[in-house]
Full PDB file with SEQRES, HELIX, SHEET, SSBOND, CRYST1, ORIGX, SCALE, CONECT and MASTER records, all heavy atoms in Angstrom:
SEQRES   1 A   32  VAL GLU GLN GLY GLU ASP ILE VAL ILE ALA ARG ALA GLY          
SEQRES   2 A   32  HIS PRO VAL ALA ARG LEU ILE ALA TYR THR ALA PRO ALA          
SEQRES   3 A   32  ARG GLN VAL ALA PRO PRO                                      
SHEET    1 AA1 2 ILE A   7  ARG A  11  0                                        
SHEET    2 AA1 2 HIS A  14  LEU A  19 -1                                        
CRYST1    1.000    1.000    1.000  90.00  90.00  90.00 P 1           1          
ORIGX1      1.000000  0.000000  0.000000        0.00000                         
ORIGX2      0.000000  1.000000  0.000000        0.00000                         
ORIGX3      0.000000  0.000000  1.000000        0.00000                         
SCALE1      1.000000  0.000000  0.000000        0.00000                         
SCALE2      0.000000  1.000000  0.000000        0.00000                         
SCALE3      0.000000  0.000000  1.000000        0.00000                         
ATOM      1  N   VAL A   1      27.299  11.540 -16.727  1.00  0.00           N  
ATOM      2  CA  VAL A   1      26.759  12.782 -16.173  1.00  0.00           C  
ATOM      3  C   VAL A   1      27.742  13.927 -16.402  1.00  0.00           C  
ATOM      4  O   VAL A   1      27.340  15.040 -16.742  1.00  0.00           O  
ATOM      5  CB  VAL A   1      26.446  12.610 -14.666  1.00  0.00           C  
ATOM      6  CG1 VAL A   1      26.187  13.949 -13.998  1.00  0.00           C  
ATOM      7  CG2 VAL A   1      25.249  11.688 -14.485  1.00  0.00           C  
ATOM      8  N   GLU A   2      29.034  13.653 -16.242  1.00  0.00           N  
ATOM      9  CA  GLU A   2      30.051  14.682 -16.476  1.00  0.00           C  
ATOM     10  C   GLU A   2      30.028  15.163 -17.928  1.00  0.00           C  
ATOM     11  O   GLU A   2      30.408  16.289 -18.216  1.00  0.00           O  
ATOM     12  CB  GLU A   2      31.436  14.153 -16.126  1.00  0.00           C  
ATOM     13  CG  GLU A   2      31.674  14.032 -14.633  1.00  0.00           C  
ATOM     14  CD  GLU A   2      33.014  13.396 -14.305  1.00  0.00           C  
ATOM     15  OE1 GLU A   2      33.527  12.599 -15.124  1.00  0.00           O  
ATOM     16  OE2 GLU A   2      33.546  13.698 -13.229  1.00  0.00           O  
ATOM     17  N   GLN A   3      29.584  14.308 -18.822  1.00  0.00           N  
ATOM     18  CA  GLN A   3      29.511  14.671 -20.233  1.00  0.00           C  
ATOM     19  C   GLN A   3      28.182  15.351 -20.576  1.00  0.00           C  
ATOM     20  O   GLN A   3      27.905  15.623 -21.744  1.00  0.00           O  
ATOM     21  CB  GLN A   3      29.719  13.435 -21.102  1.00  0.00           C  
ATOM     22  CG  GLN A   3      31.114  12.846 -20.961  1.00  0.00           C  
ATOM     23  CD  GLN A   3      31.255  11.512 -21.665  1.00  0.00           C  
ATOM     24  OE1 GLN A   3      30.351  11.042 -22.332  1.00  0.00           O  
ATOM     25  NE2 GLN A   3      32.419  10.890 -21.503  1.00  0.00           N  
ATOM     26  N   GLY A   4      27.351  15.607 -19.567  1.00  0.00           N  
ATOM     27  CA  GLY A   4      26.126  16.354 -19.788  1.00  0.00           C  
ATOM     28  C   GLY A   4      24.840  15.558 -19.837  1.00  0.00           C  
ATOM     29  O   GLY A   4      23.768  16.116 -20.038  1.00  0.00           O  
ATOM     30  N   GLU A   5      24.914  14.257 -19.648  1.00  0.00           N  
ATOM     31  CA  GLU A   5      23.709  13.429 -19.717  1.00  0.00           C  
ATOM     32  C   GLU A   5      23.047  13.340 -18.342  1.00  0.00           C  
ATOM     33  O   GLU A   5      23.720  13.318 -17.319  1.00  0.00           O  
ATOM     34  CB  GLU A   5      24.081  12.021 -20.200  1.00  0.00           C  
ATOM     35  CG  GLU A   5      22.886  11.155 -20.499  1.00  0.00           C  
ATOM     36  CD  GLU A   5      23.277   9.827 -21.140  1.00  0.00           C  
ATOM     37  OE1 GLU A   5      24.388   9.724 -21.690  1.00  0.00           O  
ATOM     38  OE2 GLU A   5      22.454   8.909 -21.069  1.00  0.00           O  
ATOM     39  N   ASP A   6      21.719  13.306 -18.316  1.00  0.00           N  
ATOM     40  CA  ASP A   6      20.978  13.076 -17.080  1.00  0.00           C  
ATOM     41  C   ASP A   6      20.626  11.597 -16.994  1.00  0.00           C  
ATOM     42  O   ASP A   6      20.299  10.969 -17.999  1.00  0.00           O  
ATOM     43  CB  ASP A   6      19.677  13.883 -17.060  1.00  0.00           C  
ATOM     44  CG  ASP A   6      19.921  15.362 -16.875  1.00  0.00           C  
ATOM     45  OD1 ASP A   6      21.081  15.765 -16.705  1.00  0.00           O  
ATOM     46  OD2 ASP A   6      18.934  16.115 -16.894  1.00  0.00           O  
ATOM     47  N   ILE A   7      20.677  11.059 -15.792  1.00  0.00           N  
ATOM     48  CA  ILE A   7      20.374   9.647 -15.562  1.00  0.00           C  
ATOM     49  C   ILE A   7      19.205   9.569 -14.586  1.00  0.00           C  
ATOM     50  O   ILE A   7      19.221  10.200 -13.529  1.00  0.00           O  
ATOM     51  CB  ILE A   7      21.580   8.893 -14.955  1.00  0.00           C  
ATOM     52  CG1 ILE A   7      22.865   9.121 -15.759  1.00  0.00           C  
ATOM     53  CG2 ILE A   7      21.279   7.416 -14.771  1.00  0.00           C  
ATOM     54  CD1 ILE A   7      22.883   8.508 -17.125  1.00  0.00           C  
ATOM     55  N   VAL A   8      18.194   8.780 -14.923  1.00  0.00           N  
ATOM     56  CA  VAL A   8      17.072   8.539 -14.027  1.00  0.00           C  
ATOM     57  C   VAL A   8      17.267   7.174 -13.390  1.00  0.00           C  
ATOM     58  O   VAL A   8      17.498   6.185 -14.087  1.00  0.00           O  
ATOM     59  CB  VAL A   8      15.723   8.593 -14.779  1.00  0.00           C  
ATOM     60  CG1 VAL A   8      14.576   8.178 -13.874  1.00  0.00           C  
ATOM     61  CG2 VAL A   8      15.498   9.982 -15.330  1.00  0.00           C  
ATOM     62  N   ILE A   9      17.179   7.116 -12.073  1.00  0.00           N  
ATOM     63  CA  ILE A   9      17.304   5.851 -11.350  1.00  0.00           C  
ATOM     64  C   ILE A   9      15.898   5.421 -10.946  1.00  0.00           C  
ATOM     65  O   ILE A   9      15.156   6.193 -10.344  1.00  0.00           O  
ATOM     66  CB  ILE A   9      18.221   6.002 -10.122  1.00  0.00           C  
ATOM     67  CG1 ILE A   9      19.610   6.456 -10.583  1.00  0.00           C  
ATOM     68  CG2 ILE A   9      18.306   4.690  -9.349  1.00  0.00           C  
ATOM     69  CD1 ILE A   9      20.562   6.781  -9.456  1.00  0.00           C  
ATOM     70  N   ALA A  10      15.555   4.183 -11.304  1.00  0.00           N  
ATOM     71  CA  ALA A  10      14.195   3.698 -11.079  1.00  0.00           C  
ATOM     72  C   ALA A  10      14.188   2.454 -10.205  1.00  0.00           C  
ATOM     73  O   ALA A  10      15.143   1.676 -10.191  1.00  0.00           O  
ATOM     74  CB  ALA A  10      13.541   3.383 -12.421  1.00  0.00           C  
ATOM     75  N   ARG A  11      13.077   2.297  -9.481  1.00  0.00           N  
ATOM     76  CA  ARG A  11      12.849   1.088  -8.685  1.00  0.00           C  
ATOM     77  C   ARG A  11      11.589   0.429  -9.243  1.00  0.00           C  
ATOM     78  O   ARG A  11      10.530   1.057  -9.269  1.00  0.00           O  
ATOM     79  CB  ARG A  11      12.649   1.435  -7.215  1.00  0.00           C  
ATOM     80  CG  ARG A  11      12.346   0.209  -6.353  1.00  0.00           C  
ATOM     81  CD  ARG A  11      12.004   0.540  -4.912  1.00  0.00           C  
ATOM     82  NE  ARG A  11      13.130   1.195  -4.248  1.00  0.00           N  
ATOM     83  CZ  ARG A  11      13.028   2.328  -3.551  1.00  0.00           C  
ATOM     84  NH1 ARG A  11      11.866   2.937  -3.422  1.00  0.00           N  
ATOM     85  NH2 ARG A  11      14.085   2.838  -2.971  1.00  0.00           N  
ATOM     86  N   ALA A  12      11.730  -0.772  -9.705  1.00  0.00           N  
ATOM     87  CA  ALA A  12      10.605  -1.522 -10.299  1.00  0.00           C  
ATOM     88  C   ALA A  12       9.954  -0.729 -11.426  1.00  0.00           C  
ATOM     89  O   ALA A  12       8.739  -0.717 -11.571  1.00  0.00           O  
ATOM     90  CB  ALA A  12       9.586  -1.881  -9.215  1.00  0.00           C  
ATOM     91  N   GLY A  13      10.777  -0.028 -12.216  1.00  0.00           N  
ATOM     92  CA  GLY A  13      10.272   0.690 -13.366  1.00  0.00           C  
ATOM     93  C   GLY A  13       9.711   2.069 -13.063  1.00  0.00           C  
ATOM     94  O   GLY A  13       9.322   2.786 -13.973  1.00  0.00           O  
ATOM     95  N   HIS A  14       9.686   2.476 -11.787  1.00  0.00           N  
ATOM     96  CA  HIS A  14       9.163   3.783 -11.411  1.00  0.00           C  
ATOM     97  C   HIS A  14      10.326   4.712 -11.043  1.00  0.00           C  
ATOM     98  O   HIS A  14      11.142   4.372 -10.184  1.00  0.00           O  
ATOM     99  CB  HIS A  14       8.209   3.671 -10.217  1.00  0.00           C  
ATOM    100  CG  HIS A  14       7.004   2.835 -10.498  1.00  0.00           C  
ATOM    101  ND1 HIS A  14       5.984   3.264 -11.305  1.00  0.00           N  
ATOM    102  CD2 HIS A  14       6.670   1.577 -10.101  1.00  0.00           C  
ATOM    103  CE1 HIS A  14       5.057   2.320 -11.378  1.00  0.00           C  
ATOM    104  NE2 HIS A  14       5.465   1.278 -10.666  1.00  0.00           N  
ATOM    105  N   PRO A  15      10.420   5.859 -11.686  1.00  0.00           N  
ATOM    106  CA  PRO A  15      11.512   6.786 -11.394  1.00  0.00           C  
ATOM    107  C   PRO A  15      11.536   7.185  -9.914  1.00  0.00           C  
ATOM    108  O   PRO A  15      10.505   7.481  -9.326  1.00  0.00           O  
ATOM    109  CB  PRO A  15      11.197   8.006 -12.259  1.00  0.00           C  
ATOM    110  CG  PRO A  15      10.280   7.498 -13.331  1.00  0.00           C  
ATOM    111  CD  PRO A  15       9.519   6.377 -12.704  1.00  0.00           C  
ATOM    112  N   VAL A  16      12.745   7.149  -9.337  1.00  0.00           N  
ATOM    113  CA  VAL A  16      12.917   7.482  -7.925  1.00  0.00           C  
ATOM    114  C   VAL A  16      13.824   8.703  -7.766  1.00  0.00           C  
ATOM    115  O   VAL A  16      13.570   9.569  -6.932  1.00  0.00           O  
ATOM    116  CB  VAL A  16      13.527   6.288  -7.149  1.00  0.00           C  
ATOM    117  CG1 VAL A  16      13.819   6.650  -5.713  1.00  0.00           C  
ATOM    118  CG2 VAL A  16      12.607   5.089  -7.224  1.00  0.00           C  
ATOM    119  N   ALA A  17      14.879   8.772  -8.579  1.00  0.00           N  
ATOM    120  CA  ALA A  17      15.845   9.858  -8.438  1.00  0.00           C  
ATOM    121  C   ALA A  17      16.432  10.206  -9.798  1.00  0.00           C  
ATOM    122  O   ALA A  17      16.338   9.424 -10.746  1.00  0.00           O  
ATOM    123  CB  ALA A  17      16.958   9.444  -7.483  1.00  0.00           C  
ATOM    124  N   ARG A  18      17.025  11.381  -9.852  1.00  0.00           N  
ATOM    125  CA  ARG A  18      17.685  11.820 -11.084  1.00  0.00           C  
ATOM    126  C   ARG A  18      19.119  12.196 -10.749  1.00  0.00           C  
ATOM    127  O   ARG A  18      19.373  12.946  -9.818  1.00  0.00           O  
ATOM    128  CB  ARG A  18      16.950  13.023 -11.664  1.00  0.00           C  
ATOM    129  CG  ARG A  18      17.403  13.341 -13.071  1.00  0.00           C  
ATOM    130  CD  ARG A  18      16.529  14.394 -13.666  1.00  0.00           C  
ATOM    131  NE  ARG A  18      17.015  15.689 -13.215  1.00  0.00           N  
ATOM    132  CZ  ARG A  18      16.559  16.843 -13.648  1.00  0.00           C  
ATOM    133  NH1 ARG A  18      15.560  16.879 -14.500  1.00  0.00           N  
ATOM    134  NH2 ARG A  18      17.051  17.959 -13.212  1.00  0.00           N  
ATOM    135  N   LEU A  19      20.053  11.669 -11.506  1.00  0.00           N  
ATOM    136  CA  LEU A  19      21.475  11.941 -11.330  1.00  0.00           C  
ATOM    137  C   LEU A  19      21.862  13.000 -12.349  1.00  0.00           C  
ATOM    138  O   LEU A  19      21.778  12.766 -13.555  1.00  0.00           O  
ATOM    139  CB  LEU A  19      22.265  10.641 -11.550  1.00  0.00           C  
ATOM    140  CG  LEU A  19      23.718  10.590 -11.138  1.00  0.00           C  
ATOM    141  CD1 LEU A  19      23.901  10.897  -9.670  1.00  0.00           C  
ATOM    142  CD2 LEU A  19      24.291   9.212 -11.447  1.00  0.00           C  
ATOM    143  N   ILE A  20      22.221  14.186 -11.847  1.00  0.00           N  
ATOM    144  CA  ILE A  20      22.581  15.295 -12.733  1.00  0.00           C  
ATOM    145  C   ILE A  20      23.910  15.882 -12.303  1.00  0.00           C  
ATOM    146  O   ILE A  20      24.363  15.664 -11.182  1.00  0.00           O  
ATOM    147  CB  ILE A  20      21.498  16.397 -12.737  1.00  0.00           C  
ATOM    148  CG1 ILE A  20      21.299  16.959 -11.340  1.00  0.00           C  
ATOM    149  CG2 ILE A  20      20.197  15.878 -13.305  1.00  0.00           C  
ATOM    150  CD1 ILE A  20      20.413  18.179 -11.307  1.00  0.00           C  
ATOM    151  N   ALA A  21      24.533  16.642 -13.176  1.00  0.00           N  
ATOM    152  CA  ALA A  21      25.829  17.252 -12.878  1.00  0.00           C  
ATOM    153  C   ALA A  21      25.654  18.331 -11.813  1.00  0.00           C  
ATOM    154  O   ALA A  21      24.649  19.050 -11.785  1.00  0.00           O  
ATOM    155  CB  ALA A  21      26.425  17.864 -14.143  1.00  0.00           C  
ATOM    156  N   TYR A  22      26.638  18.436 -10.952  1.00  0.00           N  
ATOM    157  CA  TYR A  22      26.637  19.444  -9.894  1.00  0.00           C  
ATOM    158  C   TYR A  22      27.111  20.771 -10.463  1.00  0.00           C  
ATOM    159  O   TYR A  22      28.084  20.831 -11.210  1.00  0.00           O  
ATOM    160  CB  TYR A  22      27.574  19.011  -8.761  1.00  0.00           C  
ATOM    161  CG  TYR A  22      27.731  20.052  -7.688  1.00  0.00           C  
ATOM    162  CD1 TYR A  22      26.747  20.234  -6.731  1.00  0.00           C  
ATOM    163  CD2 TYR A  22      28.857  20.864  -7.642  1.00  0.00           C  
ATOM    164  CE1 TYR A  22      26.886  21.194  -5.751  1.00  0.00           C  
ATOM    165  CE2 TYR A  22      28.996  21.828  -6.667  1.00  0.00           C  
ATOM    166  CZ  TYR A  22      28.008  21.993  -5.720  1.00  0.00           C  
ATOM    167  OH  TYR A  22      28.159  22.949  -4.754  1.00  0.00           O  
ATOM    168  N   THR A  23      26.399  21.828 -10.123  1.00  0.00           N  
ATOM    169  CA  THR A  23      26.847  23.164 -10.475  1.00  0.00           C  
ATOM    170  C   THR A  23      26.931  23.966  -9.191  1.00  0.00           C  
ATOM    171  O   THR A  23      25.962  24.035  -8.418  1.00  0.00           O  
ATOM    172  CB  THR A  23      25.879  23.870 -11.453  1.00  0.00           C  
ATOM    173  OG1 THR A  23      24.568  23.867 -10.881  1.00  0.00           O  
ATOM    174  CG2 THR A  23      25.833  23.158 -12.799  1.00  0.00           C  
ATOM    175  N   ALA A  24      28.077  24.556  -8.944  1.00  0.00           N  
ATOM    176  CA  ALA A  24      28.281  25.332  -7.727  1.00  0.00           C  
ATOM    177  C   ALA A  24      27.421  26.591  -7.774  1.00  0.00           C  
ATOM    178  O   ALA A  24      27.288  27.216  -8.823  1.00  0.00           O  
ATOM    179  CB  ALA A  24      29.753  25.701  -7.589  1.00  0.00           C  
ATOM    180  N   PRO A  25      26.837  26.953  -6.634  1.00  0.00           N  
ATOM    181  CA  PRO A  25      26.031  28.167  -6.623  1.00  0.00           C  
ATOM    182  C   PRO A  25      26.909  29.396  -6.845  1.00  0.00           C  
ATOM    183  O   PRO A  25      28.060  29.427  -6.412  1.00  0.00           O  
ATOM    184  CB  PRO A  25      25.411  28.184  -5.216  1.00  0.00           C  
ATOM    185  CG  PRO A  25      26.266  27.287  -4.404  1.00  0.00           C  
ATOM    186  CD  PRO A  25      26.861  26.289  -5.342  1.00  0.00           C  
ATOM    187  N   ALA A  26      26.366  30.371  -7.521  1.00  0.00           N  
ATOM    188  CA  ALA A  26      27.118  31.600  -7.769  1.00  0.00           C  
ATOM    189  C   ALA A  26      27.317  32.324  -6.444  1.00  0.00           C  
ATOM    190  O   ALA A  26      26.392  32.472  -5.659  1.00  0.00           O  
ATOM    191  CB  ALA A  26      26.357  32.488  -8.742  1.00  0.00           C  
ATOM    192  N   ARG A  27      28.518  32.746  -6.207  1.00  0.00           N  
ATOM    193  CA  ARG A  27      28.843  33.455  -4.969  1.00  0.00           C  
ATOM    194  C   ARG A  27      28.360  34.888  -5.102  1.00  0.00           C  
ATOM    195  O   ARG A  27      28.753  35.593  -6.025  1.00  0.00           O  
ATOM    196  CB  ARG A  27      30.353  33.419  -4.727  1.00  0.00           C  
ATOM    197  CG  ARG A  27      30.747  34.051  -3.431  1.00  0.00           C  
ATOM    198  CD  ARG A  27      32.222  33.818  -3.148  1.00  0.00           C  
ATOM    199  NE  ARG A  27      32.570  34.511  -1.934  1.00  0.00           N  
ATOM    200  CZ  ARG A  27      33.586  35.342  -1.810  1.00  0.00           C  
ATOM    201  NH1 ARG A  27      34.374  35.555  -2.828  1.00  0.00           N  
ATOM    202  NH2 ARG A  27      33.826  35.947  -0.672  1.00  0.00           N  
ATOM    203  N   GLN A  28      27.521  35.290  -4.180  1.00  0.00           N  
ATOM    204  CA  GLN A  28      26.989  36.637  -4.228  1.00  0.00           C  
ATOM    205  C   GLN A  28      27.853  37.545  -3.361  1.00  0.00           C  
ATOM    206  O   GLN A  28      28.097  37.263  -2.193  1.00  0.00           O  
ATOM    207  CB  GLN A  28      25.548  36.662  -3.743  1.00  0.00           C  
ATOM    208  CG  GLN A  28      24.619  35.883  -4.641  1.00  0.00           C  
ATOM    209  CD  GLN A  28      23.182  35.947  -4.161  1.00  0.00           C  
ATOM    210  OE1 GLN A  28      22.883  36.543  -3.147  1.00  0.00           O  
ATOM    211  NE2 GLN A  28      22.294  35.313  -4.900  1.00  0.00           N  
ATOM    212  N   VAL A  29      28.314  38.622  -3.939  1.00  0.00           N  
ATOM    213  CA  VAL A  29      29.147  39.582  -3.236  1.00  0.00           C  
ATOM    214  C   VAL A  29      28.344  40.860  -3.062  1.00  0.00           C  
ATOM    215  O   VAL A  29      27.794  41.399  -4.032  1.00  0.00           O  
ATOM    216  CB  VAL A  29      30.442  39.865  -4.030  1.00  0.00           C  
ATOM    217  CG1 VAL A  29      31.290  40.905  -3.330  1.00  0.00           C  
ATOM    218  CG2 VAL A  29      31.219  38.577  -4.235  1.00  0.00           C  
ATOM    219  N   ALA A  30      28.276  41.318  -1.824  1.00  0.00           N  
ATOM    220  CA  ALA A  30      27.537  42.552  -1.552  1.00  0.00           C  
ATOM    221  C   ALA A  30      28.293  43.738  -2.147  1.00  0.00           C  
ATOM    222  O   ALA A  30      29.526  43.795  -2.089  1.00  0.00           O  
ATOM    223  CB  ALA A  30      27.375  42.741  -0.053  1.00  0.00           C  
ATOM    224  N   PRO A  31      27.582  44.666  -2.722  1.00  0.00           N  
ATOM    225  CA  PRO A  31      28.243  45.855  -3.282  1.00  0.00           C  
ATOM    226  C   PRO A  31      28.815  46.718  -2.157  1.00  0.00           C  
ATOM    227  O   PRO A  31      28.331  46.668  -1.028  1.00  0.00           O  
ATOM    228  CB  PRO A  31      27.118  46.573  -4.010  1.00  0.00           C  
ATOM    229  CG  PRO A  31      25.880  46.130  -3.319  1.00  0.00           C  
ATOM    230  CD  PRO A  31      26.148  44.716  -2.869  1.00  0.00           C  
ATOM    231  N   PRO A  32      29.843  47.508  -2.448  1.00  0.00           N  
ATOM    232  CA  PRO A  32      30.384  48.407  -1.424  1.00  0.00           C  
ATOM    233  C   PRO A  32      29.276  49.292  -0.861  1.00  0.00           C  
ATOM    234  O   PRO A  32      28.474  49.849  -1.612  1.00  0.00           O  
ATOM    235  CB  PRO A  32      31.419  49.236  -2.188  1.00  0.00           C  
ATOM    236  CG  PRO A  32      31.785  48.383  -3.359  1.00  0.00           C  
ATOM    237  CD  PRO A  32      30.556  47.615  -3.708  1.00  0.00           C  
TER     238      PRO A  32                                                      
MASTER        0    0    0    0    2    0    0    6  237    1    0    3          
END                                                                             
């Protein structure tokens, strides 16, 4: 995942979750 690949986790062949890289939300700064 750190190298950019997405991983799908499945239960009995049915997708349940997706493991993706975390991206921090952009910090919004109010203008003066």
